[in-house]
PDB file of N, CA and C in Angstrom:
ATOM      1  N   MET A   1       0.529  -1.013  -0.097  1.00  0.00           N
ATOM      2  CA  MET A   1       0.110   0.168  -0.031  1.00  0.00           C
ATOM      3  C   MET A   1       1.090   1.388  -0.350  1.00  0.00           C
ATOM      4  N   THR A   2       0.753   2.232  -1.015  1.00  0.00           N
ATOM      5  CA  THR A   2       1.131   3.838  -0.971  1.00  0.00           C
ATOM      6  C   THR A   2       0.149   4.540  -0.319  1.00  0.00           C
ATOM      7  N   THR A   3       1.172   5.320   0.134  1.00  0.00           N
ATOM      8  CA  THR A   3       0.917   6.821   0.876  1.00  0.00           C
ATOM      9  C   THR A   3       0.815   7.685  -0.151  1.00  0.00           C
ATOM     10  N   GLU A   4      -0.350   8.681  -0.262  1.00  0.00           N
ATOM     11  CA  GLU A   4      -0.270   9.906  -1.355  1.00  0.00           C
ATOM     12  C   GLU A   4       0.177  10.954  -0.422  1.00  0.00           C
ATOM     13  N   VAL A   5       1.369  11.521  -0.611  1.00  0.00           N
ATOM     14  CA  VAL A   5       2.132  12.599   0.297  1.00  0.00           C
ATOM     15  C   VAL A   5       1.300  13.812  -0.598  1.00  0.00           C
ATOM     16  N   THR A   6       0.102  14.867   0.083  1.00  0.00           N
ATOM     17  CA  THR A   6      -0.254  15.303   0.065  1.00  0.00           C
ATOM     18  C   THR A   6      -0.977  16.815   0.853  1.00  0.00           C
ATOM     19  N   GLN A   7       0.509  17.226   1.195  1.00  0.00           N
ATOM     20  CA  GLN A   7       1.162  18.295   1.250  1.00  0.00           C
ATOM     21  C   GLN A   7       2.957  18.877   0.673  1.00  0.00           C
ATOM     22  N   VAL A   8       2.469  20.225   0.228  1.00  0.00           N
ATOM     23  CA  VAL A   8       3.769  20.876  -0.468  1.00  0.00           C
ATOM     24  C   VAL A   8       4.471  21.163   0.469  1.00  0.00           C
ATOM     25  N   THR A   9       5.977  20.960   0.428  1.00  0.00           N
ATOM     26  CA  THR A   9       6.465  21.628   1.818  1.00  0.00           C
ATOM     27  C   THR A   9       7.398  23.230   0.730  1.00  0.00           C
ATOM     28  N   VAL A  10       8.505  23.727   1.926  1.00  0.00           N
ATOM     29  CA  VAL A  10       8.736  25.020   1.268  1.00  0.00           C
ATOM     30  C   VAL A  10       9.807  24.360   0.145  1.00  0.00           C
ATOM     31  N   GLU A  11      10.749  23.037   0.115  1.00  0.00           N
ATOM     32  CA  GLU A  11      11.438  22.543  -0.494  1.00  0.00           C
ATOM     33  C   GLU A  11      10.850  22.229  -1.679  1.00  0.00           C
ATOM     34  N   GLU A  12      10.067  21.628  -1.999  1.00  0.00           N
ATOM     35  CA  GLU A  12       9.374  21.275  -3.382  1.00  0.00           C
ATOM     36  C   GLU A  12       8.676  22.983  -3.892  1.00  0.00           C
ATOM     37  N   LEU A  13       7.754  23.943  -2.764  1.00  0.00           N
ATOM     38  CA  LEU A  13       7.631  25.104  -3.271  1.00  0.00           C
ATOM     39  C   LEU A  13       8.865  25.935  -4.279  1.00  0.00           C
ATOM     40  N   ALA A  14      10.333  26.281  -3.486  1.00  0.00           N
ATOM     41  CA  ALA A  14      11.395  26.233  -4.479  1.00  0.00           C
ATOM     42  C   ALA A  14      11.822  25.568  -5.365  1.00  0.00           C
ATOM     43  N   THR A  15      11.452  24.215  -5.759  1.00  0.00           N
ATOM     44  CA  THR A  15      11.800  23.286  -6.664  1.00  0.00           C
ATOM     45  C   THR A  15      10.729  24.496  -8.213  1.00  0.00           C
ATOM     46  N   LEU A  16       9.855  24.469  -7.538  1.00  0.00           N
ATOM     47  CA  LEU A  16       8.151  24.493  -8.487  1.00  0.00           C
ATOM     48  C   LEU A  16       8.540  26.150  -9.008  1.00  0.00           C
ATOM     49  N   MET A  17       9.381  26.918  -8.583  1.00  0.00           N
ATOM     50  CA  MET A  17      10.028  28.816  -8.752  1.00  0.00           C
ATOM     51  C   MET A  17      10.256  28.041  -9.790  1.00  0.00           C
ATOM     52  N   LYS A  18      11.669  27.519  -9.490  1.00  0.00           N
ATOM     53  CA  LYS A  18      12.377  27.028 -10.256  1.00  0.00           C
ATOM     54  C   LYS A  18      11.658  26.486 -12.316  1.00  0.00           C
ATOM     55  N   LYS A  19      11.719  25.471 -11.607  1.00  0.00           N
ATOM     56  CA  LYS A  19      11.455  25.047 -13.092  1.00  0.00           C
ATOM     57  C   LYS A  19       9.816  26.001 -13.593  1.00  0.00           C
ATOM     58  N   ALA A  20       8.678  25.918 -12.797  1.00  0.00           N
ATOM     59  CA  ALA A  20       7.798  26.782 -13.407  1.00  0.00           C
ATOM     60  C   ALA A  20       8.321  28.234 -14.131  1.00  0.00           C
ATOM     61  N   ALA A  21       8.898  29.056 -13.217  1.00  0.00           N
ATOM     62  CA  ALA A  21       9.038  30.552 -13.450  1.00  0.00           C
ATOM     63  C   ALA A  21      10.902  30.866 -13.439  1.00  0.00           C
ATOM     64  N   GLY A  22      11.559  30.133 -13.320  1.00  0.00           N
ATOM     65  CA  GLY A  22      12.782  30.417 -13.456  1.00  0.00           C
ATOM     66  C   GLY A  22      13.489  31.374 -12.881  1.00  0.00           C
ATOM     67  N   VAL A  23      12.939  31.007 -10.888  1.00  0.00           N
ATOM     68  CA  VAL A  23      13.093  31.713 -10.075  1.00  0.00           C
ATOM     69  C   VAL A  23      13.503  31.087  -8.962  1.00  0.00           C
ATOM     70  N   THR A  24      14.779  31.231  -9.066  1.00  0.00           N
ATOM     71  CA  THR A  24      15.921  30.353  -8.194  1.00  0.00           C
ATOM     72  C   THR A  24      16.284  31.046  -6.786  1.00  0.00           C
ATOM     73  N   VAL A  25      15.748  30.155  -5.785  1.00  0.00           N
ATOM     74  CA  VAL A  25      15.373  30.720  -3.914  1.00  0.00           C
ATOM     75  C   VAL A  25      15.708  30.026  -3.592  1.00  0.00           C
ATOM     76  N   ASP A  26      16.827  30.076  -3.176  1.00  0.00           N
ATOM     77  CA  ASP A  26      17.212  28.637  -1.456  1.00  0.00           C
ATOM     78  C   ASP A  26      15.270  28.910  -0.713  1.00  0.00           C
ATOM     79  N   PRO A  27      15.520  27.555  -0.648  1.00  0.00           N
ATOM     80  CA  PRO A  27      14.067  27.067   0.578  1.00  0.00           C
ATOM     81  C   PRO A  27      14.578  27.400   1.415  1.00  0.00           C
ATOM     82  N   ARG A  28      15.501  27.489   2.383  1.00  0.00           N
ATOM     83  CA  ARG A  28      16.040  27.825   4.003  1.00  0.00           C
ATOM     84  C   ARG A  28      15.666  30.307   4.024  1.00  0.00           C
ATOM     85  N   ASP A  29      16.069  30.490   2.857  1.00  0.00           N
ATOM     86  CA  ASP A  29      15.542  32.146   3.248  1.00  0.00           C
ATOM     87  C   ASP A  29      13.701  31.931   2.186  1.00  0.00           C
ATOM     88  N   LEU A  30      13.526  30.939   1.971  1.00  0.00           N
ATOM     89  CA  LEU A  30      11.573  30.932   1.981  1.00  0.00           C
ATOM     90  C   LEU A  30      11.330  30.323   2.848  1.00  0.00           C
ATOM     91  N   GLU A  31      11.421  29.400   3.600  1.00  0.00           N
ATOM     92  CA  GLU A  31      10.945  29.798   4.812  1.00  0.00           C
ATOM     93  C   GLU A  31      11.112  30.932   6.046  1.00  0.00           C
ATOM     94  N   ARG A  32      12.382  31.476   5.926  1.00  0.00           N
ATOM     95  CA  ARG A  32      12.987  32.452   6.858  1.00  0.00           C
ATOM     96  C   ARG A  32      11.880  33.609   6.684  1.00  0.00           C
ATOM     97  N   ARG A  33      11.356  34.111   5.146  1.00  0.00           N
ATOM     98  CA  ARG A  33      10.661  35.215   4.927  1.00  0.00           C
ATOM     99  C   ARG A  33       9.572  34.669   4.165  1.00  0.00           C
ATOM    100  N   ALA A  34       8.565  33.632   4.996  1.00  0.00           N
ATOM    101  CA  ALA A  34       7.668  33.024   4.363  1.00  0.00           C
ATOM    102  C   ALA A  34       6.060  34.082   4.426  1.00  0.00           C
ATOM    103  N   ASP A  35       6.539  35.151   5.104  1.00  0.00           N
ATOM    104  CA  ASP A  35       5.520  36.146   5.028  1.00  0.00           C
ATOM    105  C   ASP A  35       6.095  37.345   3.856  1.00  0.00           C
ATOM    106  N   ALA A  36       7.004  37.088   3.446  1.00  0.00           N
ATOM    107  CA  ALA A  36       7.912  38.063   3.014  1.00  0.00           C
ATOM    108  C   ALA A  36       6.617  38.469   0.971  1.00  0.00           C
ATOM    109  N   PRO A  37       6.782  38.963   0.717  1.00  0.00           N
ATOM    110  CA  PRO A  37       5.579  38.862  -0.647  1.00  0.00           C
ATOM    111  C   PRO A  37       6.589  37.844  -1.796  1.00  0.00           C
ATOM    112  N   PHE A  38       5.776  37.292  -2.669  1.00  0.00           N
ATOM    113  CA  PHE A  38       6.606  36.823  -4.210  1.00  0.00           C
ATOM    114  C   PHE A  38       7.086  37.816  -4.896  1.00  0.00           C
ATOM    115  N   ALA A  39       6.161  38.791  -4.914  1.00  0.00           N
ATOM    116  CA  ALA A  39       7.587  39.466  -5.581  1.00  0.00           C
ATOM    117  C   ALA A  39       8.824  40.030  -4.960  1.00  0.00           C
ATOM    118  N   ASP A  40       9.085  39.879  -3.963  1.00  0.00           N
ATOM    119  CA  ASP A  40      10.619  40.109  -3.080  1.00  0.00           C
ATOM    120  C   ASP A  40      11.796  39.090  -3.274  1.00  0.00           C
ATOM    121  N   PHE A  41      11.057  37.525  -3.862  1.00  0.00           N
ATOM    122  CA  PHE A  41      11.444  37.250  -4.855  1.00  0.00           C
ATOM    123  C   PHE A  41      11.587  36.790  -6.186  1.00  0.00           C
ATOM    124  N   GLY A  42      11.179  37.739  -6.376  1.00  0.00           N
ATOM    125  CA  GLY A  42      10.929  37.464  -8.043  1.00  0.00           C
ATOM    126  C   GLY A  42      10.506  36.551  -8.883  1.00  0.00           C
ATOM    127  N   LEU A  43       9.271  36.610  -8.431  1.00  0.00           N
ATOM    128  CA  LEU A  43       8.308  35.312  -8.905  1.00  0.00           C
ATOM    129  C   LEU A  43       6.868  36.388  -8.751  1.00  0.00           C
ATOM    130  N   ASP A  44       6.352  36.885 -10.698  1.00  0.00           N
ATOM    131  CA  ASP A  44       5.337  37.463 -10.354  1.00  0.00           C
ATOM    132  C   ASP A  44       3.891  36.647 -10.546  1.00  0.00           C
ATOM    133  N   SER A  45       2.884  36.941 -10.858  1.00  0.00           N
ATOM    134  CA  SER A  45       1.648  36.451 -10.753  1.00  0.00           C
ATOM    135  C   SER A  45       2.236  35.343 -12.077  1.00  0.00           C
ATOM    136  N   LEU A  46       2.255  35.847 -13.135  1.00  0.00           N
ATOM    137  CA  LEU A  46       2.302  34.671 -14.261  1.00  0.00           C
ATOM    138  C   LEU A  46       3.453  32.817 -13.258  1.00  0.00           C
ATOM    139  N   GLY A  47       4.407  33.271 -12.867  1.00  0.00           N
ATOM    140  CA  GLY A  47       4.935  32.140 -12.133  1.00  0.00           C
ATOM    141  C   GLY A  47       3.941  31.859 -11.429  1.00  0.00           C
ATOM    142  N   LEU A  48       3.575  32.527 -10.529  1.00  0.00           N
ATOM    143  CA  LEU A  48       2.504  31.613  -9.591  1.00  0.00           C
ATOM    144  C   LEU A  48       1.149  30.925  -9.987  1.00  0.00           C
ATOM    145  N   LEU A  49       1.050  31.034 -11.471  1.00  0.00           N
ATOM    146  CA  LEU A  49       0.118  30.448 -12.327  1.00  0.00           C
ATOM    147  C   LEU A  49       1.127  29.243 -12.480  1.00  0.00           C
ATOM    148  N   GLY A  50       1.662  29.631 -12.917  1.00  0.00           N
ATOM    149  CA  GLY A  50       2.840  28.340 -13.915  1.00  0.00           C
ATOM    150  C   GLY A  50       2.572  27.268 -12.345  1.00  0.00           C
ATOM    151  N   ILE A  51       3.233  27.638 -10.933  1.00  0.00           N
ATOM    152  CA  ILE A  51       2.948  26.883 -10.187  1.00  0.00           C
ATOM    153  C   ILE A  51       2.037  25.820 -10.111  1.00  0.00           C
ATOM    154  N   VAL A  52       0.586  26.881  -9.539  1.00  0.00           N
ATOM    155  CA  VAL A  52      -0.486  26.252  -9.510  1.00  0.00           C
ATOM    156  C   VAL A  52      -0.791  25.195 -10.682  1.00  0.00           C
ATOM    157  N   GLY A  53      -0.501  25.636 -12.037  1.00  0.00           N
ATOM    158  CA  GLY A  53      -0.966  24.727 -12.890  1.00  0.00           C
ATOM    159  C   GLY A  53      -0.041  22.730 -13.079  1.00  0.00           C
ATOM    160  N   GLU A  54       1.290  23.487 -12.245  1.00  0.00           N
ATOM    161  CA  GLU A  54       2.156  22.070 -11.952  1.00  0.00           C
ATOM    162  C   GLU A  54       1.599  21.496 -11.092  1.00  0.00           C
ATOM    163  N   LEU A  55       1.145  21.931  -9.968  1.00  0.00           N
ATOM    164  CA  LEU A  55       0.633  21.503  -9.007  1.00  0.00           C
ATOM    165  C   LEU A  55      -0.534  20.902  -9.672  1.00  0.00           C
ATOM    166  N   GLU A  56      -2.023  20.978  -9.310  1.00  0.00           N
ATOM    167  CA  GLU A  56      -2.411  20.395 -10.252  1.00  0.00           C
ATOM    168  C   GLU A  56      -2.397  19.589 -11.366  1.00  0.00           C
ATOM    169  N   ASN A  57      -1.549  19.601 -12.114  1.00  0.00           N
ATOM    170  CA  ASN A  57      -1.236  18.515 -12.675  1.00  0.00           C
ATOM    171  C   ASN A  57      -1.117  17.250 -12.389  1.00  0.00           C
ATOM    172  N   ARG A  58       0.482  17.548 -10.869  1.00  0.00           N
ATOM    173  CA  ARG A  58       0.308  16.879 -10.320  1.00  0.00           C
ATOM    174  C   ARG A  58      -0.245  15.981  -9.656  1.00  0.00           C
ATOM    175  N   TYR A  59      -1.053  16.422  -8.727  1.00  0.00           N
ATOM    176  CA  TYR A  59      -2.206  15.803  -8.032  1.00  0.00           C
ATOM    177  C   TYR A  59      -3.730  15.964  -8.746  1.00  0.00           C
ATOM    178  N   GLY A  60      -3.655  16.002 -10.263  1.00  0.00           N
ATOM    179  CA  GLY A  60      -5.012  15.742 -10.843  1.00  0.00           C
ATOM    180  C   GLY A  60      -6.359  16.514 -10.359  1.00  0.00           C
ATOM    181  N   ARG A  61      -5.996  17.282  -9.908  1.00  0.00           N
ATOM    182  CA  ARG A  61      -7.455  18.239  -9.646  1.00  0.00           C
ATOM    183  C   ARG A  61      -7.002  19.904  -9.489  1.00  0.00           C
ATOM    184  N   ALA A  62      -8.129  20.476  -9.434  1.00  0.00           N
ATOM    185  CA  ALA A  62      -7.785  22.229  -9.914  1.00  0.00           C
ATOM    186  C   ALA A  62      -8.091  22.489  -8.555  1.00  0.00           C
ATOM    187  N   LEU A  63      -6.772  23.461  -8.407  1.00  0.00           N
ATOM    188  CA  LEU A  63      -6.694  23.637  -7.323  1.00  0.00           C
ATOM    189  C   LEU A  63      -7.980  25.147  -6.623  1.00  0.00           C
ATOM    190  N   PRO A  64      -8.263  26.038  -5.766  1.00  0.00           N
ATOM    191  CA  PRO A  64      -9.144  26.859  -5.531  1.00  0.00           C
ATOM    192  C   PRO A  64      -8.540  28.376  -6.011  1.00  0.00           C
ATOM    193  N   THR A  65      -9.315  28.712  -6.988  1.00  0.00           N
ATOM    194  CA  THR A  65      -8.624  30.363  -7.475  1.00  0.00           C
ATOM    195  C   THR A  65      -7.447  31.078  -6.698  1.00  0.00           C
ATOM    196  N   ASP A  66      -8.558  30.645  -5.048  1.00  0.00           N
ATOM    197  CA  ASP A  66      -7.459  31.975  -3.908  1.00  0.00           C
ATOM    198  C   ASP A  66      -5.599  31.255  -4.368  1.00  0.00           C
ATOM    199  N   ALA A  67      -5.552  30.136  -4.872  1.00  0.00           N
ATOM    200  CA  ALA A  67      -4.010  29.876  -4.793  1.00  0.00           C
ATOM    201  C   ALA A  67      -3.006  31.089  -5.312  1.00  0.00           C
ATOM    202  N   GLU A  68      -3.763  30.920  -6.881  1.00  0.00           N
ATOM    203  CA  GLU A  68      -2.815  32.546  -7.792  1.00  0.00           C
ATOM    204  C   GLU A  68      -3.129  33.664  -7.420  1.00  0.00           C
ATOM    205  N   ARG A  69      -4.116  33.334  -6.118  1.00  0.00           N
ATOM    206  CA  ARG A  69      -3.893  34.884  -6.107  1.00  0.00           C
ATOM    207  C   ARG A  69      -3.031  35.765  -4.114  1.00  0.00           C
ATOM    208  N   CYS A  70      -2.456  34.310  -3.971  1.00  0.00           N
ATOM    209  CA  CYS A  70      -1.269  34.280  -2.989  1.00  0.00           C
ATOM    210  C   CYS A  70      -0.490  35.225  -2.334  1.00  0.00           C
ATOM    211  N   LYS A  71       0.014  36.069  -2.096  1.00  0.00           N
ATOM    212  CA  LYS A  71       0.823  37.439  -1.561  1.00  0.00           C
ATOM    213  C   LYS A  71       2.305  36.652  -1.378  1.00  0.00           C
ATOM    214  N   SER A  72       2.208  35.583  -0.420  1.00  0.00           N
ATOM    215  CA  SER A  72       3.089  35.260   0.050  1.00  0.00           C
ATOM    216  C   SER A  72       3.786  33.472  -0.097  1.00  0.00           C
ATOM    217  N   PRO A  73       4.974  33.105   0.541  1.00  0.00           N
ATOM    218  CA  PRO A  73       5.066  31.344   0.317  1.00  0.00           C
ATOM    219  C   PRO A  73       3.596  30.694   1.504  1.00  0.00           C
ATOM    220  N   ARG A  74       3.887  31.748   2.773  1.00  0.00           N
ATOM    221  CA  ARG A  74       2.926  31.043   3.314  1.00  0.00           C
ATOM    222  C   ARG A  74       1.311  31.183   3.025  1.00  0.00           C
ATOM    223  N   ALA A  75       0.951  32.005   2.831  1.00  0.00           N
ATOM    224  CA  ALA A  75      -0.212  32.198   2.364  1.00  0.00           C
ATOM    225  C   ALA A  75      -0.801  31.307   1.274  1.00  0.00           C
ATOM    226  N   PHE A  76       0.463  30.992   0.488  1.00  0.00           N
ATOM    227  CA  PHE A  76       0.230  30.030  -0.610  1.00  0.00           C
ATOM    228  C   PHE A  76       0.024  28.720  -0.192  1.00  0.00           C
ATOM    229  N   LEU A  77       1.035  28.433   0.577  1.00  0.00           N
ATOM    230  CA  LEU A  77       1.118  26.625   1.440  1.00  0.00           C
ATOM    231  C   LEU A  77       0.037  26.393   1.602  1.00  0.00           C
ATOM    232  N   ASP A  78      -0.590  27.895   2.833  1.00  0.00           N
ATOM    233  CA  ASP A  78      -1.673  27.319   3.786  1.00  0.00           C
ATOM    234  C   ASP A  78      -3.161  26.585   3.327  1.00  0.00           C
ATOM    235  N   VAL A  79      -2.892  27.853   1.504  1.00  0.00           N
ATOM    236  CA  VAL A  79      -3.667  27.705   0.834  1.00  0.00           C
ATOM    237  C   VAL A  79      -4.150  25.583   0.145  1.00  0.00           C
ATOM    238  N   VAL A  80      -2.745  25.472  -0.168  1.00  0.00           N
ATOM    239  CA  VAL A  80      -2.900  24.391  -1.528  1.00  0.00           C
ATOM    240  C   VAL A  80      -2.826  23.285   0.146  1.00  0.00           C
ATOM    241  N   ASN A  81      -2.053  23.036   0.811  1.00  0.00           N
ATOM    242  CA  ASN A  81      -2.192  21.953   1.373  1.00  0.00           C
ATOM    243  C   ASN A  81      -3.364  22.225   2.329  1.00  0.00           C
ATOM    244  N   GLY A  82      -4.127  23.144   2.334  1.00  0.00           N
ATOM    245  CA  GLY A  82      -5.733  22.920   3.028  1.00  0.00           C
ATOM    246  C   GLY A  82      -6.366  22.226   2.099  1.00  0.00           C
ATOM    247  N   ALA A  83      -6.328  22.622   0.856  1.00  0.00           N
ATOM    248  CA  ALA A  83      -6.885  22.036   0.202  1.00  0.00           C
ATOM    249  C   ALA A  83      -6.838  20.259  -1.062  1.00  0.00           C
ATOM    250  N   LEU A  84      -5.288  20.713  -0.538  1.00  0.00           N
ATOM    251  CA  LEU A  84      -4.716  18.741  -0.557  1.00  0.00           C
ATOM    252  C   LEU A  84      -5.747  18.297   0.402  1.00  0.00           C
ATOM    253  N   ALA A  85      -6.069  18.375   1.549  1.00  0.00           N
ATOM    254  CA  ALA A  85      -6.189  17.857   2.600  1.00  0.00           C
ATOM    255  C   ALA A  85      -6.838  17.772   3.296  1.00  0.00           C
ATOM    256  N   THR A  86      -8.465  18.372   2.581  1.00  0.00           N
ATOM    257  CA  THR A  86      -9.728  17.798   2.053  1.00  0.00           C
ATOM    258  C   THR A  86     -10.331  17.752   1.107  1.00  0.00           C
ATOM    259  N   GLY A  87      -9.239  17.496  -0.155  1.00  0.00           N
ATOM    260  CA  GLY A  87      -9.772  17.202  -1.128  1.00  0.00           C
ATOM    261  C   GLY A  87     -10.479  17.881  -2.004  1.00  0.00           C
ATOM    262  N   ALA A  88     -10.442  19.331  -1.181  1.00  0.00           N
ATOM    263  CA  ALA A  88     -11.043  20.414  -2.470  1.00  0.00           C
ATOM    264  C   ALA A  88     -11.042  21.361  -3.409  1.00  0.00           C
TER     265      ALA A  88
END
């Protein structure tokens, strides 16, 4: 039996930022400044939309539209992980 991972980590978000938006960020910096605006890391709304698309493909379901409107890594992870935990 396999267990499906239903939580996006800070490390995974940093990887997705590089893959979907070409933005390189140290996961430790992302975690330390989790409430800083995505713009401070060089990520714009189009890049965030790319990350949402990657996650939707990975998990085979749509994420709430709130995910693409999040302004900070912490807010984004809260919305995404909440949706994945509840299956919403």
